[in-house]
């Protein structure tokens, strides 16, 4: 179990679900995380509205979430997500640094950054946020079609990103997300009886394993 994602908070900061999310859902998510043997709970950075600057209210709420998670025995990771204030890695990192809480780090999703308009999640963004990354989500994004793509295609340079994580001594989880819905007619299926999401997830898992094999022995 890599972590628990209760789906908080893609809503606006003034949404009626924020208070129960903080008071009830987040503590309960921490409880389930501990039951399942992890201390990681993830959240998003609230629904983005007009404007480029992240409101201080967003930063304050993220800091509050980190404090709640800490009291409940868990760590909070903020995932960058295209519809939120923390859409790219850089914007999510800005929220984290402004919140300045020791129990808060980044769930780095380069695919989400690409969908948010980042032309270079790796290496350009990653080089500026690498110190905050404790969790990684894997998928890719094709800007021409505006759709998720297999790991080996799309904007994100996954071979380079994974090599950099290894070089940086990354010790967290790398999680294959299952959003990719490319038709299986576009390539030879790997498994019989799999639906589209299962087939694409299996292909991404195989590709990920091909890039993260045993570390070469020193000469």
Protein backbone atom coordinates (compact mmCIF):
# COMPACT_ATOMS: atom_id res chain seq x y z
CA UNK A 1 0.00 0.00 0.00
CA UNK A 2 1.65 3.22 -1.18
CA UNK A 3 -0.83 5.66 0.30
CA UNK A 4 -4.47 6.67 0.66
CA UNK A 5 -6.09 9.21 -1.67
CA UNK A 6 -9.50 10.31 -0.36
CA UNK A 7 -10.00 12.71 -3.29
CA UNK A 8 -9.55 15.93 -1.29
CA UNK A 9 -9.61 18.83 -2.44
CA UNK A 10 -10.46 19.60 -6.08
CA UNK A 11 -13.28 21.87 -4.94
CA UNK A 12 -12.98 25.63 -4.44
CA UNK A 13 -11.73 26.92 -1.11
CA UNK A 14 -15.20 28.28 -0.27
CA UNK A 15 -17.03 25.05 -1.13
CA UNK A 16 -19.33 23.67 1.56
CA UNK A 17 -17.42 20.37 1.51
CA UNK A 18 -14.15 21.89 2.77
CA UNK A 19 -15.11 21.88 6.45
CA UNK A 20 -16.32 18.23 6.58
CA UNK A 21 -13.32 17.31 4.47
CA UNK A 22 -10.98 18.74 7.08
CA UNK A 23 -12.93 17.68 10.15
CA UNK A 24 -14.05 14.20 9.09
CA UNK A 25 -12.70 12.87 5.79
CA UNK A 26 -9.01 13.65 6.28
CA UNK A 27 -8.78 12.17 9.81
CA UNK A 28 -10.68 9.09 8.62
CA UNK A 29 -8.33 8.73 5.64
CA UNK A 30 -5.38 8.85 8.04
CA UNK A 31 -7.01 6.17 10.16
CA UNK A 32 -7.42 3.88 7.15
CA UNK A 33 -3.90 4.61 5.98
CA UNK A 34 -2.48 3.41 9.29
CA UNK A 35 -4.70 0.32 9.22
CA UNK A 36 -3.33 -0.54 5.79
CA UNK A 37 0.27 -0.07 6.82
CA UNK A 38 1.12 3.32 5.35
CA UNK A 39 1.43 6.84 6.69
CA UNK A 40 0.90 8.67 3.39
CA UNK A 41 -2.31 10.54 2.59
CA UNK A 42 -2.62 12.67 -0.54
CA UNK A 43 -4.62 15.75 -1.40
CA UNK A 44 -5.05 18.26 -4.21
CA UNK A 45 -4.59 22.03 -4.06
CA UNK A 46 -8.19 23.28 -4.42
CA UNK A 47 -10.02 24.21 -7.60
CA UNK A 48 -8.39 27.00 -9.58
CA UNK A 49 -10.29 30.16 -10.42
CA UNK A 50 -9.27 33.19 -12.46
CA UNK A 51 -5.88 34.64 -11.68
CA UNK A 52 -2.32 33.45 -11.65
CA UNK A 53 -1.31 34.02 -8.03
CA UNK A 54 -2.16 31.29 -5.53
CA UNK A 55 -4.43 32.84 -2.86
CA UNK A 56 -3.06 32.84 0.67
CA UNK A 57 -6.24 31.05 1.77
CA UNK A 58 -5.18 28.03 -0.30
CA UNK A 59 -1.76 28.00 1.33
CA UNK A 60 -3.30 28.31 4.80
CA UNK A 61 -5.69 25.41 4.18
CA UNK A 62 -2.90 23.17 2.87
CA UNK A 63 -0.83 23.99 5.97
CA UNK A 64 -3.86 23.13 8.11
CA UNK A 65 -4.25 19.80 6.30
CA UNK A 66 -0.60 18.97 6.96
CA UNK A 67 -1.10 19.71 10.65
CA UNK A 68 -4.21 17.53 10.83
CA UNK A 69 -2.41 14.66 9.11
CA UNK A 70 0.51 15.02 11.50
CA UNK A 71 -1.78 14.86 14.54
CA UNK A 72 -3.31 11.72 13.05
CA UNK A 73 0.09 10.06 12.58
CA UNK A 74 0.37 10.54 8.81
CA UNK A 75 2.26 12.57 6.22
CA UNK A 76 0.47 14.73 3.68
CA UNK A 77 1.56 14.76 0.04
CA UNK A 78 0.15 17.43 -2.28
CA UNK A 79 -0.41 16.15 -5.82
CA UNK A 80 -0.18 18.57 -8.73
CA UNK A 81 -3.42 18.43 -10.72
CA UNK A 82 -4.50 20.38 -13.80
CA UNK A 83 -7.77 21.81 -12.42
CA UNK A 84 -6.20 22.98 -9.17
CA UNK A 85 -4.03 25.87 -8.02
CA UNK A 86 -1.16 23.44 -7.74
CA UNK A 87 -1.49 22.37 -11.37
CA UNK A 88 2.14 22.15 -12.43
CA UNK A 89 5.00 20.95 -10.30
CA UNK A 90 6.24 24.51 -9.92
CA UNK A 91 2.89 25.83 -8.71
CA UNK A 92 2.38 22.94 -6.30
CA UNK A 93 5.92 23.48 -5.01
CA UNK A 94 5.12 27.16 -4.46
CA UNK A 95 2.18 26.19 -2.25
CA UNK A 96 4.29 23.71 -0.30
CA UNK A 97 7.14 26.14 0.26
CA UNK A 98 4.79 28.91 1.35
CA UNK A 99 2.98 26.56 3.74
CA UNK A 100 6.39 25.62 5.15
CA UNK A 101 5.21 22.61 7.15
CA UNK A 102 7.63 19.75 7.94
CA UNK A 103 4.87 17.19 7.36
CA UNK A 104 4.13 18.32 3.79
CA UNK A 105 5.78 17.18 0.56
CA UNK A 106 5.02 16.73 -3.15
CA UNK A 107 3.36 13.89 -5.01
CA UNK A 108 4.98 14.60 -8.38
CA UNK A 109 2.80 13.81 -11.40
CA UNK A 110 4.67 14.89 -14.56
CA UNK A 111 1.72 13.78 -16.71
CA UNK A 112 -0.59 16.16 -14.87
CA UNK A 113 1.99 18.91 -15.29
CA UNK A 114 2.06 18.26 -19.04
CA UNK A 115 -1.74 18.38 -19.18
CA UNK A 116 -1.56 21.71 -17.32
CA UNK A 117 0.57 23.19 -20.10
CA UNK A 118 4.11 22.46 -18.95
CA UNK A 119 6.32 21.92 -21.99
CA UNK A 120 9.08 20.28 -19.95
CA UNK A 121 8.01 18.52 -16.76
CA UNK A 122 11.41 16.86 -16.97
CA UNK A 123 14.04 18.13 -16.82
CA UNK A 124 13.04 21.78 -16.42
CA UNK A 125 10.36 21.52 -13.72
CA UNK A 126 11.85 18.58 -11.87
CA UNK A 127 15.19 20.33 -11.38
CA UNK A 128 13.39 23.05 -9.42
CA UNK A 129 11.20 20.81 -7.26
CA UNK A 130 13.32 17.69 -6.71
CA UNK A 131 13.90 18.47 -3.03
CA UNK A 132 10.15 18.21 -2.32
CA UNK A 133 9.33 14.96 -4.15
CA UNK A 134 8.47 11.97 -1.93
CA UNK A 135 5.89 10.21 -4.12
CA UNK A 136 5.57 9.85 -7.92
CA UNK A 137 2.61 9.09 -10.21
CA UNK A 138 3.24 7.60 -13.64
CA UNK A 139 1.35 8.33 -16.85
CA UNK A 140 2.00 10.42 -19.96
CA UNK A 141 0.14 13.04 -21.96
CA UNK A 142 -0.06 13.72 -25.69
CA UNK A 143 -0.50 17.43 -26.36
CA UNK A 144 -1.62 16.95 -29.98
CA UNK A 145 -4.59 14.76 -29.10
CA UNK A 146 -5.16 16.23 -25.64
CA UNK A 147 -5.33 12.70 -24.22
CA UNK A 148 -3.36 10.49 -21.88
CA UNK A 149 -0.79 8.38 -23.67
CA UNK A 150 1.37 5.37 -22.96
CA UNK A 151 4.51 5.99 -20.93
CA UNK A 152 6.86 5.67 -23.88
CA UNK A 153 5.07 8.40 -25.86
CA UNK A 154 3.93 11.88 -24.93
CA UNK A 155 5.55 14.94 -23.40
CA UNK A 156 7.12 13.37 -20.32
CA UNK A 157 10.65 12.01 -20.72
CA UNK A 158 10.20 9.03 -18.42
CA UNK A 159 13.60 7.41 -19.03
CA UNK A 160 15.25 10.68 -18.04
CA UNK A 161 12.91 11.28 -15.11
CA UNK A 162 13.38 7.83 -13.63
CA UNK A 163 17.15 8.02 -14.07
CA UNK A 164 17.15 11.35 -12.22
CA UNK A 165 15.07 9.91 -9.39
CA UNK A 166 17.56 7.08 -9.02
CA UNK A 167 20.48 9.49 -9.09
CA UNK A 168 18.80 11.62 -6.42
CA UNK A 169 18.35 8.60 -4.15
CA UNK A 170 14.56 8.64 -4.33
CA UNK A 171 13.18 6.04 -1.91
CA UNK A 172 9.43 6.60 -2.20
CA UNK A 173 6.75 4.87 -4.24
CA UNK A 174 6.39 5.12 -8.02
CA UNK A 175 2.73 4.45 -8.80
CA UNK A 176 1.30 3.55 -12.22
CA UNK A 177 -1.98 5.40 -12.69
CA UNK A 178 -4.69 3.73 -14.72
CA UNK A 179 -6.23 6.59 -16.73
CA UNK A 180 -4.89 5.63 -20.16
CA UNK A 181 -7.73 4.52 -22.44
CA UNK A 182 -6.02 4.16 -25.84
CA UNK A 183 -7.80 1.57 -27.98
CA UNK A 184 -6.17 -1.84 -27.77
CA UNK A 185 -6.57 -2.02 -31.55
CA UNK A 186 -3.61 0.37 -31.84
CA UNK A 187 -1.13 -2.28 -30.66
CA UNK A 188 -0.84 -5.99 -29.99
CA UNK A 189 -2.51 -6.85 -26.65
CA UNK A 190 -0.29 -8.23 -23.91
CA UNK A 191 -2.97 -10.20 -22.11
CA UNK A 192 -6.16 -12.02 -23.01
CA UNK A 193 -9.48 -10.80 -21.68
CA UNK A 194 -8.21 -7.44 -20.42
CA UNK A 195 -10.25 -4.28 -20.86
CA UNK A 196 -8.70 -1.11 -22.26
CA UNK A 197 -7.60 0.38 -18.93
CA UNK A 198 -6.17 -2.94 -17.75
CA UNK A 199 -4.25 -3.49 -20.99
CA UNK A 200 -2.77 0.00 -20.99
CA UNK A 201 -1.87 -0.22 -17.32
CA UNK A 202 -0.11 -3.54 -17.94
CA UNK A 203 1.84 -2.04 -20.84
CA UNK A 204 2.88 0.92 -18.69
CA UNK A 205 3.91 -1.41 -15.88
CA UNK A 206 6.06 -3.48 -18.23
CA UNK A 207 7.67 -0.33 -19.61
CA UNK A 208 8.29 1.02 -16.11
CA UNK A 209 9.95 -2.23 -15.09
CA UNK A 210 12.14 -2.11 -18.18
CA UNK A 211 13.44 1.26 -17.00
CA UNK A 212 13.83 0.42 -13.32
CA UNK A 213 15.61 -2.92 -13.46
CA UNK A 214 18.41 -3.85 -11.08
CA UNK A 215 21.01 -1.16 -10.67
CA UNK A 216 24.15 -2.02 -12.66
CA UNK A 217 26.98 -3.48 -10.60
CA UNK A 218 30.04 -1.23 -10.30
CA UNK A 219 32.93 -2.19 -12.56
